[in-house]
């Protein structure tokens, strides 16, 4: 499967371009961190808490210019813990705005090569699916993120070795189907 590297998380500089944003911004008590190592790449880990109306932990890349207009979607090389995560895309540099999200489930302790086509992404705001939002424009993508929510209380760990732009015909890919109910 043809792909162009966006972030190679085996490079520590790529990991430093990401930061945590948890429900503490609204009074919650979830805690996450982003770190890494030479074998697993970037590691998103922490504890999701539902206390004080909380319920999400996330990491986000720095704002940049990622013209993915020639791509069919994105590809993640990851290893999870059996939980459902969301991968998000933002098309403006505002801290709080529309996020295009695709849900996926990780397999416990197995590496996955996961393709997320543009059709898998739904527009959301604060976790709610938007019915009146502009469609995703891959040419305007300016940041990426990973989110754990959906009332999955407790510890979590997601390792990501790479984020790539999907190019080519896609034969043999593990495609994640859109999950509009989950956003």
C-alpha atoms as a PDB file:
ATOM      1  CA  UNK A   1       0.000   0.000   0.000  1.00  0.00           C
ATOM      2  CA  UNK A   2       1.515   3.310  -1.043  1.00  0.00           C
ATOM      3  CA  UNK A   3       1.830   5.901   1.706  1.00  0.00           C
ATOM      4  CA  UNK A   4       3.664   9.132   2.491  1.00  0.00           C
ATOM      5  CA  UNK A   5       4.976   9.593   6.039  1.00  0.00           C
ATOM      6  CA  UNK A   6       3.377  12.451   7.979  1.00  0.00           C
ATOM      7  CA  UNK A   7       4.831  11.534  11.413  1.00  0.00           C
ATOM      8  CA  UNK A   8       7.456   8.831  12.038  1.00  0.00           C
ATOM      9  CA  UNK A   9       7.038   8.296  15.775  1.00  0.00           C
ATOM     10  CA  UNK A  10      10.255   6.289  16.039  1.00  0.00           C
ATOM     11  CA  UNK A  11      11.838   9.768  15.750  1.00  0.00           C
ATOM     12  CA  UNK A  12      11.662  11.559  19.152  1.00  0.00           C
ATOM     13  CA  UNK A  13      11.249  14.936  17.405  1.00  0.00           C
ATOM     14  CA  UNK A  14       7.902  13.761  15.975  1.00  0.00           C
ATOM     15  CA  UNK A  15       6.657  12.866  19.465  1.00  0.00           C
ATOM     16  CA  UNK A  16       7.573  16.317  20.811  1.00  0.00           C
ATOM     17  CA  UNK A  17       5.118  17.818  18.284  1.00  0.00           C
ATOM     18  CA  UNK A  18       2.165  16.347  20.247  1.00  0.00           C
ATOM     19  CA  UNK A  19       0.626  17.390  23.592  1.00  0.00           C
ATOM     20  CA  UNK A  20      -2.163  16.279  25.959  1.00  0.00           C
ATOM     21  CA  UNK A  21      -5.573  17.942  26.251  1.00  0.00           C
ATOM     22  CA  UNK A  22      -7.788  16.272  28.851  1.00  0.00           C
ATOM     23  CA  UNK A  23     -11.178  16.918  30.440  1.00  0.00           C
ATOM     24  CA  UNK A  24      -9.448  18.968  33.173  1.00  0.00           C
ATOM     25  CA  UNK A  25     -10.076  21.941  30.834  1.00  0.00           C
ATOM     26  CA  UNK A  26     -13.739  21.618  31.908  1.00  0.00           C
ATOM     27  CA  UNK A  27     -13.287  20.387  35.482  1.00  0.00           C
ATOM     28  CA  UNK A  28     -12.824  16.653  34.859  1.00  0.00           C
ATOM     29  CA  UNK A  29     -10.155  14.450  36.392  1.00  0.00           C
ATOM     30  CA  UNK A  30      -8.811  12.358  33.501  1.00  0.00           C
ATOM     31  CA  UNK A  31      -5.063  12.402  33.061  1.00  0.00           C
ATOM     32  CA  UNK A  32      -2.980  11.502  30.047  1.00  0.00           C
ATOM     33  CA  UNK A  33       0.514  11.968  28.804  1.00  0.00           C
ATOM     34  CA  UNK A  34       2.331  11.561  25.558  1.00  0.00           C
ATOM     35  CA  UNK A  35       5.769   9.979  25.575  1.00  0.00           C
ATOM     36  CA  UNK A  36       7.643   7.404  23.635  1.00  0.00           C
ATOM     37  CA  UNK A  37      10.422   4.930  23.213  1.00  0.00           C
ATOM     38  CA  UNK A  38      12.594   3.520  20.447  1.00  0.00           C
ATOM     39  CA  UNK A  39      10.555   0.326  20.056  1.00  0.00           C
ATOM     40  CA  UNK A  40       6.908   1.433  20.328  1.00  0.00           C
ATOM     41  CA  UNK A  41       7.146   4.998  19.037  1.00  0.00           C
ATOM     42  CA  UNK A  42       4.670   7.502  20.494  1.00  0.00           C
ATOM     43  CA  UNK A  43       2.793   6.295  23.574  1.00  0.00           C
ATOM     44  CA  UNK A  44      -0.533   7.847  24.630  1.00  0.00           C
ATOM     45  CA  UNK A  45      -1.233   6.630  28.158  1.00  0.00           C
ATOM     46  CA  UNK A  46      -3.198   7.614  31.239  1.00  0.00           C
ATOM     47  CA  UNK A  47      -6.421   7.110  33.168  1.00  0.00           C
ATOM     48  CA  UNK A  48      -9.883   8.112  32.007  1.00  0.00           C
ATOM     49  CA  UNK A  49     -12.139   9.364  34.829  1.00  0.00           C
ATOM     50  CA  UNK A  50     -15.848  10.138  34.760  1.00  0.00           C
ATOM     51  CA  UNK A  51     -15.644  12.247  37.951  1.00  0.00           C
ATOM     52  CA  UNK A  52     -16.776  15.895  37.909  1.00  0.00           C
ATOM     53  CA  UNK A  53     -18.522  15.473  34.559  1.00  0.00           C
ATOM     54  CA  UNK A  54     -15.325  14.405  32.818  1.00  0.00           C
ATOM     55  CA  UNK A  55     -14.805  11.609  30.386  1.00  0.00           C
ATOM     56  CA  UNK A  56     -12.149  12.264  27.768  1.00  0.00           C
ATOM     57  CA  UNK A  57      -8.405  12.193  27.364  1.00  0.00           C
ATOM     58  CA  UNK A  58      -6.698  13.277  24.166  1.00  0.00           C
ATOM     59  CA  UNK A  59      -3.491  14.260  22.462  1.00  0.00           C
ATOM     60  CA  UNK A  60      -3.117  16.627  19.535  1.00  0.00           C
ATOM     61  CA  UNK A  61      -0.357  17.572  17.145  1.00  0.00           C
ATOM     62  CA  UNK A  62       0.933  21.096  16.801  1.00  0.00           C
ATOM     63  CA  UNK A  63      -0.798  23.186  14.158  1.00  0.00           C
ATOM     64  CA  UNK A  64       0.853  23.000  10.769  1.00  0.00           C
ATOM     65  CA  UNK A  65       0.020  22.825   7.101  1.00  0.00           C
ATOM     66  CA  UNK A  66      -0.696  19.290   5.878  1.00  0.00           C
ATOM     67  CA  UNK A  67      -2.089  19.360   2.357  1.00  0.00           C
ATOM     68  CA  UNK A  68      -3.484  15.840   1.965  1.00  0.00           C
ATOM     69  CA  UNK A  69      -5.568  16.603  -1.131  1.00  0.00           C
ATOM     70  CA  UNK A  70      -3.800  13.844  -3.102  1.00  0.00           C
ATOM     71  CA  UNK A  71      -4.411  11.221  -0.407  1.00  0.00           C
ATOM     72  CA  UNK A  72      -7.399   8.879   0.016  1.00  0.00           C
ATOM     73  CA  UNK A  73      -7.170   8.938   3.817  1.00  0.00           C
ATOM     74  CA  UNK A  74      -4.666   8.258   6.575  1.00  0.00           C
ATOM     75  CA  UNK A  75      -2.930   5.146   7.840  1.00  0.00           C
ATOM     76  CA  UNK A  76      -1.901   4.426  11.433  1.00  0.00           C
ATOM     77  CA  UNK A  77       0.560   1.788  12.607  1.00  0.00           C
ATOM     78  CA  UNK A  78      -0.544   1.192  16.197  1.00  0.00           C
ATOM     79  CA  UNK A  79      -0.868  -1.197  19.108  1.00  0.00           C
ATOM     80  CA  UNK A  80      -3.634  -0.720  21.624  1.00  0.00           C
ATOM     81  CA  UNK A  81      -5.331  -2.271  24.582  1.00  0.00           C
ATOM     82  CA  UNK A  82      -8.663  -3.436  23.182  1.00  0.00           C
ATOM     83  CA  UNK A  83     -10.398  -0.065  23.690  1.00  0.00           C
ATOM     84  CA  UNK A  84     -12.218   2.131  21.144  1.00  0.00           C
ATOM     85  CA  UNK A  85     -10.339   5.307  20.195  1.00  0.00           C
ATOM     86  CA  UNK A  86     -11.024   8.153  17.796  1.00  0.00           C
ATOM     87  CA  UNK A  87      -8.585   9.695  15.366  1.00  0.00           C
ATOM     88  CA  UNK A  88      -9.346  13.349  14.677  1.00  0.00           C
ATOM     89  CA  UNK A  89      -8.511  15.909  12.009  1.00  0.00           C
ATOM     90  CA  UNK A  90      -8.876  19.674  12.318  1.00  0.00           C
ATOM     91  CA  UNK A  91      -9.074  22.075   9.406  1.00  0.00           C
ATOM     92  CA  UNK A  92      -8.640  25.345  11.278  1.00  0.00           C
ATOM     93  CA  UNK A  93      -6.134  26.435  13.881  1.00  0.00           C
ATOM     94  CA  UNK A  94      -8.716  27.345  16.555  1.00  0.00           C
ATOM     95  CA  UNK A  95      -8.261  25.439  19.810  1.00  0.00           C
ATOM     96  CA  UNK A  96     -11.985  24.711  20.032  1.00  0.00           C
ATOM     97  CA  UNK A  97     -13.802  24.015  16.772  1.00  0.00           C
ATOM     98  CA  UNK A  98     -15.040  21.338  14.409  1.00  0.00           C
ATOM     99  CA  UNK A  99     -13.145  18.070  14.560  1.00  0.00           C
ATOM    100  CA  UNK A 100     -13.555  15.352  11.926  1.00  0.00           C
ATOM    101  CA  UNK A 101     -13.373  12.003  13.753  1.00  0.00           C
ATOM    102  CA  UNK A 102     -13.141   8.331  12.849  1.00  0.00           C
ATOM    103  CA  UNK A 103     -13.590   5.612  15.489  1.00  0.00           C
ATOM    104  CA  UNK A 104     -11.573   2.419  15.607  1.00  0.00           C
ATOM    105  CA  UNK A 105     -11.134  -0.485  18.001  1.00  0.00           C
ATOM    106  CA  UNK A 106      -7.686  -1.721  18.940  1.00  0.00           C
ATOM    107  CA  UNK A 107      -6.691  -5.349  19.402  1.00  0.00           C
ATOM    108  CA  UNK A 108      -5.072  -6.190  22.704  1.00  0.00           C
ATOM    109  CA  UNK A 109      -1.281  -6.288  22.309  1.00  0.00           C
ATOM    110  CA  UNK A 110      -1.218  -6.828  18.509  1.00  0.00           C
ATOM    111  CA  UNK A 111       0.171  -4.281  16.049  1.00  0.00           C
ATOM    112  CA  UNK A 112      -2.401  -3.013  13.556  1.00  0.00           C
ATOM    113  CA  UNK A 113      -1.932  -1.402  10.164  1.00  0.00           C
ATOM    114  CA  UNK A 114      -5.128   0.648  10.054  1.00  0.00           C
ATOM    115  CA  UNK A 115      -6.390   2.582   7.029  1.00  0.00           C
ATOM    116  CA  UNK A 116      -8.952   5.345   7.638  1.00  0.00           C
ATOM    117  CA  UNK A 117     -10.422   6.619   4.347  1.00  0.00           C
ATOM    118  CA  UNK A 118     -11.836  10.149   4.262  1.00  0.00           C
ATOM    119  CA  UNK A 119     -15.376   8.669   4.207  1.00  0.00           C
ATOM    120  CA  UNK A 120     -14.802   7.275   7.734  1.00  0.00           C
ATOM    121  CA  UNK A 121     -14.545  10.793   9.228  1.00  0.00           C
ATOM    122  CA  UNK A 122     -17.633  12.572  10.556  1.00  0.00           C
ATOM    123  CA  UNK A 123     -17.782  16.215  11.681  1.00  0.00           C
ATOM    124  CA  UNK A 124     -18.122  16.638  15.454  1.00  0.00           C
ATOM    125  CA  UNK A 125     -18.075  19.370  18.063  1.00  0.00           C
ATOM    126  CA  UNK A 126     -17.355  18.426  21.682  1.00  0.00           C
ATOM    127  CA  UNK A 127     -18.009  14.785  20.801  1.00  0.00           C
ATOM    128  CA  UNK A 128     -21.407  15.384  19.198  1.00  0.00           C
ATOM    129  CA  UNK A 129     -21.946  14.585  15.521  1.00  0.00           C
ATOM    130  CA  UNK A 130     -22.817  17.689  13.474  1.00  0.00           C
ATOM    131  CA  UNK A 131     -25.401  17.376  10.717  1.00  0.00           C
ATOM    132  CA  UNK A 132     -24.877  20.883   9.306  1.00  0.00           C
ATOM    133  CA  UNK A 133     -21.097  21.106   8.869  1.00  0.00           C
ATOM    134  CA  UNK A 134     -18.889  21.570   5.845  1.00  0.00           C
ATOM    135  CA  UNK A 135     -17.421  18.361   4.432  1.00  0.00           C
ATOM    136  CA  UNK A 136     -13.836  17.464   5.283  1.00  0.00           C
ATOM    137  CA  UNK A 137     -11.389  19.156   2.930  1.00  0.00           C
ATOM    138  CA  UNK A 138      -8.105  17.181   3.083  1.00  0.00           C
ATOM    139  CA  UNK A 139      -6.220  20.156   1.609  1.00  0.00           C
ATOM    140  CA  UNK A 140      -7.030  22.179   4.763  1.00  0.00           C
ATOM    141  CA  UNK A 141      -5.935  19.713   7.468  1.00  0.00           C
ATOM    142  CA  UNK A 142      -3.820  21.542  10.046  1.00  0.00           C
ATOM    143  CA  UNK A 143      -3.680  19.139  13.027  1.00  0.00           C
ATOM    144  CA  UNK A 144      -4.266  15.542  14.068  1.00  0.00           C
ATOM    145  CA  UNK A 145      -5.398  13.986  17.327  1.00  0.00           C
ATOM    146  CA  UNK A 146      -6.193  10.825  19.239  1.00  0.00           C
ATOM    147  CA  UNK A 147      -9.044  10.660  21.748  1.00  0.00           C
ATOM    148  CA  UNK A 148     -10.296   8.191  24.317  1.00  0.00           C
ATOM    149  CA  UNK A 149     -13.886   8.816  25.463  1.00  0.00           C
ATOM    150  CA  UNK A 150     -17.181   6.867  25.288  1.00  0.00           C
ATOM    151  CA  UNK A 151     -17.297   6.267  29.077  1.00  0.00           C
ATOM    152  CA  UNK A 152     -14.327   3.832  28.969  1.00  0.00           C
ATOM    153  CA  UNK A 153     -13.218   4.551  32.523  1.00  0.00           C
ATOM    154  CA  UNK A 154      -9.825   3.328  33.737  1.00  0.00           C
ATOM    155  CA  UNK A 155      -6.236   3.020  32.529  1.00  0.00           C
ATOM    156  CA  UNK A 156      -5.339   3.006  28.827  1.00  0.00           C
ATOM    157  CA  UNK A 157      -2.277   2.714  26.592  1.00  0.00           C
ATOM    158  CA  UNK A 158      -1.971   3.256  22.849  1.00  0.00           C
ATOM    159  CA  UNK A 159       1.362   3.032  21.011  1.00  0.00           C
ATOM    160  CA  UNK A 160       1.687   4.556  17.524  1.00  0.00           C
ATOM    161  CA  UNK A 161       4.706   3.986  15.287  1.00  0.00           C
ATOM    162  CA  UNK A 162       3.558   6.012  12.310  1.00  0.00           C
ATOM    163  CA  UNK A 163       0.969   8.293  10.747  1.00  0.00           C
ATOM    164  CA  UNK A 164       0.936   8.201   6.962  1.00  0.00           C
ATOM    165  CA  UNK A 165      -1.102   9.596   4.078  1.00  0.00           C
ATOM    166  CA  UNK A 166      -2.841   6.837   2.090  1.00  0.00           C
ATOM    167  CA  UNK A 167      -2.027   6.979  -1.596  1.00  0.00           C
ATOM    168  CA  UNK A 168      -2.492   4.446  -4.381  1.00  0.00           C
ATOM    169  CA  UNK A 169      -5.230   1.858  -4.866  1.00  0.00           C
ATOM    170  CA  UNK A 170      -5.330   0.404  -1.339  1.00  0.00           C
ATOM    171  CA  UNK A 171      -5.340  -3.320  -2.134  1.00  0.00           C
ATOM    172  CA  UNK A 172      -4.888  -5.468   0.970  1.00  0.00           C
ATOM    173  CA  UNK A 173      -5.604  -2.745   3.553  1.00  0.00           C
ATOM    174  CA  UNK A 174      -7.448  -3.233   6.825  1.00  0.00           C
ATOM    175  CA  UNK A 175     -10.130  -0.565   6.385  1.00  0.00           C
ATOM    176  CA  UNK A 176     -12.024   0.838   9.352  1.00  0.00           C
ATOM    177  CA  UNK A 177     -15.678   1.308   8.456  1.00  0.00           C
ATOM    178  CA  UNK A 178     -17.384   4.602   9.320  1.00  0.00           C
ATOM    179  CA  UNK A 179     -19.213   4.522  12.639  1.00  0.00           C
ATOM    180  CA  UNK A 180     -21.586   7.524  12.525  1.00  0.00           C
ATOM    181  CA  UNK A 181     -23.231   6.585  15.814  1.00  0.00           C
ATOM    182  CA  UNK A 182     -19.901   6.917  17.589  1.00  0.00           C
ATOM    183  CA  UNK A 183     -18.472   9.909  15.662  1.00  0.00           C
END
